[in-house]
Amino acid sequence: MKIEIPEKKKLVYEMSIPIRWGDMDAMGHLNNGTYFRYMETARIDWMHSIGFEPDPKGEGMVIVNAFCNFYRQIEYPGNVLLRMYVSDPGRTTFESWATMARAEAPEVICAAGGATTIWVDFPKQKAATLPDWLRALVGG
């Protein structure tokens, strides 16, 4: 299954991630699981950049699914330029997207993925309405 990243999305965060030797697999390229780790790192860094700290006694974001399409191999050494986008805010969710390219060739997308992000009340373990400040940030 291939899921396409939508044309209409909002860039909210960009970062460069150094490729570590241990991020590779036996075939000499970035391990598939590492792409998901990189997307996770970008989501967490983005949260910190907007001043949000998850609180297990309060509310916060969790992902309910994740995917990644692999287009080109990424090999050590180098840096991955990861761009994070958001779109489609709903009552309790929004979509987050990521593209990954080598830093020296930012126009060549090597992988692209995303996740549905849901706002939850952690003590109740239930979905909660997106706060207005977050809706404003992830909306067009």
Protein backbone atom coordinates (compact mmCIF):
# COMPACT_ATOMS: atom_id res chain seq x y z
CA MET A 1 0.00 0.00 0.00
CA LYS A 2 1.27 3.45 -0.88
CA ILE A 3 -0.16 6.51 0.82
CA GLU A 4 0.41 9.82 -0.92
CA ILE A 5 1.28 13.02 0.90
CA PRO A 6 -1.30 15.70 0.08
CA GLU A 7 -0.50 18.80 -1.93
CA LYS A 8 -2.24 21.00 0.63
CA LYS A 9 -0.19 20.94 3.82
CA LYS A 10 1.60 23.41 6.09
CA LEU A 11 5.35 23.28 6.77
CA VAL A 12 5.84 23.57 10.53
CA TYR A 13 9.33 22.25 11.22
CA GLU A 14 12.60 21.44 9.51
CA MET A 15 15.69 19.78 10.92
CA SER A 16 18.91 18.08 9.88
CA ILE A 17 19.67 14.68 11.39
CA PRO A 18 23.19 13.24 11.18
CA ILE A 19 23.23 9.67 9.87
CA ARG A 20 24.99 7.42 12.37
CA TRP A 21 26.91 4.31 11.37
CA GLY A 22 24.61 2.24 13.58
CA ASP A 23 21.53 3.55 11.72
CA MET A 24 22.40 1.35 8.74
CA ASP A 25 21.35 -2.23 8.10
CA ALA A 26 23.31 -5.17 6.73
CA MET A 27 22.75 -3.90 3.17
CA GLY A 28 24.65 -0.69 3.94
CA HIS A 29 21.73 1.74 3.86
CA LEU A 30 19.50 3.36 6.45
CA ASN A 31 17.46 0.73 8.27
CA ASN A 32 13.72 0.98 7.56
CA GLY A 33 12.92 1.36 11.25
CA THR A 34 15.29 4.31 11.48
CA TYR A 35 13.09 6.36 9.14
CA PHE A 36 10.30 6.05 11.70
CA ARG A 37 12.72 7.05 14.48
CA TYR A 38 13.70 10.15 12.48
CA MET A 39 10.03 11.11 11.99
CA GLU A 40 9.46 10.62 15.72
CA THR A 41 12.46 12.81 16.52
CA ALA A 42 11.08 15.58 14.30
CA ARG A 43 7.61 15.38 15.90
CA ILE A 44 9.09 15.60 19.42
CA ASP A 45 11.48 18.43 18.47
CA TRP A 46 8.58 20.28 16.83
CA MET A 47 6.54 19.93 20.04
CA HIS A 48 9.43 21.39 22.03
CA SER A 49 9.82 24.22 19.50
CA ILE A 50 6.18 25.30 20.01
CA GLY A 51 6.58 25.18 23.79
CA PHE A 52 4.56 22.03 24.32
CA GLU A 53 5.66 19.46 26.87
CA PRO A 54 3.64 16.24 27.17
CA ASP A 55 2.10 15.79 30.62
CA PRO A 56 0.98 12.26 31.55
CA LYS A 57 -1.36 13.83 34.13
CA GLY A 58 -2.94 16.13 31.55
CA GLU A 59 -3.48 16.19 27.81
CA GLY A 60 -1.22 15.70 24.83
CA MET A 61 -0.56 14.20 21.42
CA VAL A 62 -0.14 10.57 20.44
CA ILE A 63 -0.05 8.95 17.03
CA VAL A 64 -2.58 6.29 16.06
CA ASN A 65 -0.94 5.11 12.83
CA ALA A 66 2.23 5.70 10.88
CA PHE A 67 3.52 4.92 7.40
CA CYS A 68 6.57 5.50 5.25
CA ASN A 69 7.13 5.26 1.50
CA PHE A 70 10.73 4.51 0.53
CA TYR A 71 11.92 5.99 -2.78
CA ARG A 72 15.74 6.01 -2.64
CA GLN A 73 18.34 4.51 -0.35
CA ILE A 74 20.07 6.73 2.18
CA GLU A 75 23.61 5.73 3.11
CA TYR A 76 26.19 6.77 5.69
CA PRO A 77 27.82 9.32 5.98
CA GLY A 78 25.75 12.46 5.68
CA ASN A 79 22.75 14.28 7.05
CA VAL A 80 19.04 13.80 6.44
CA LEU A 81 16.98 16.94 5.91
CA LEU A 82 13.59 16.21 7.43
CA ARG A 83 10.66 18.55 6.78
CA MET A 84 7.52 18.14 8.86
CA TYR A 85 4.10 19.27 7.68
CA VAL A 86 0.58 19.24 9.15
CA SER A 87 -2.88 19.24 7.60
CA ASP A 88 -6.54 18.36 8.01
CA PRO A 89 -7.35 19.28 11.60
CA GLY A 90 -10.48 17.52 12.84
CA ARG A 91 -12.23 17.66 16.18
CA THR A 92 -9.58 15.55 17.95
CA THR A 93 -6.98 14.80 15.24
CA PHE A 94 -4.68 16.24 12.62
CA GLU A 95 -2.37 14.69 10.07
CA SER A 96 1.40 15.02 10.29
CA TRP A 97 3.65 14.40 7.29
CA ALA A 98 7.38 14.20 6.73
CA THR A 99 9.74 14.21 3.78
CA MET A 100 13.33 13.04 4.02
CA ALA A 101 16.14 13.98 1.67
CA ARG A 102 19.91 14.09 1.88
CA ALA A 103 20.93 17.55 3.10
CA GLU A 104 23.16 18.07 0.05
CA ALA A 105 20.25 17.28 -2.32
CA PRO A 106 17.15 18.68 -0.58
CA GLU A 107 15.01 18.53 -3.72
CA VAL A 108 15.41 14.73 -4.05
CA ILE A 109 12.93 13.07 -1.69
CA CYS A 110 14.29 9.73 -0.50
CA ALA A 111 11.34 8.85 1.74
CA ALA A 112 8.04 10.36 2.79
CA GLY A 113 5.71 9.37 5.57
CA GLY A 114 3.13 10.49 8.00
CA ALA A 115 0.95 9.79 10.99
CA THR A 116 -2.49 10.58 12.26
CA THR A 117 -2.04 12.51 15.48
CA ILE A 118 -4.75 12.54 18.12
CA TRP A 119 -5.15 14.80 21.13
CA VAL A 120 -5.90 12.78 24.27
CA ASP A 121 -6.74 13.21 27.91
CA PHE A 122 -4.13 10.85 29.37
CA PRO A 123 -5.76 10.12 32.76
CA LYS A 124 -9.10 9.33 31.07
CA GLN A 125 -7.37 7.54 28.17
CA LYS A 126 -9.83 9.17 25.76
CA ALA A 127 -9.68 11.49 22.80
CA ALA A 128 -10.14 15.17 23.63
CA THR A 129 -10.93 18.21 21.51
CA LEU A 130 -7.89 19.87 19.93
CA PRO A 131 -7.06 23.01 21.91
CA ASP A 132 -7.68 26.28 20.04
CA TRP A 133 -3.95 27.19 20.06
CA LEU A 134 -3.08 23.87 18.39
CA ARG A 135 -5.95 24.08 15.90
CA ALA A 136 -4.70 27.54 14.88
CA LEU A 137 -1.18 26.16 14.44
CA VAL A 138 -2.09 23.10 12.36
CA GLY A 139 -4.90 24.74 10.36
CA GLY A 140 -4.18 26.39 7.02
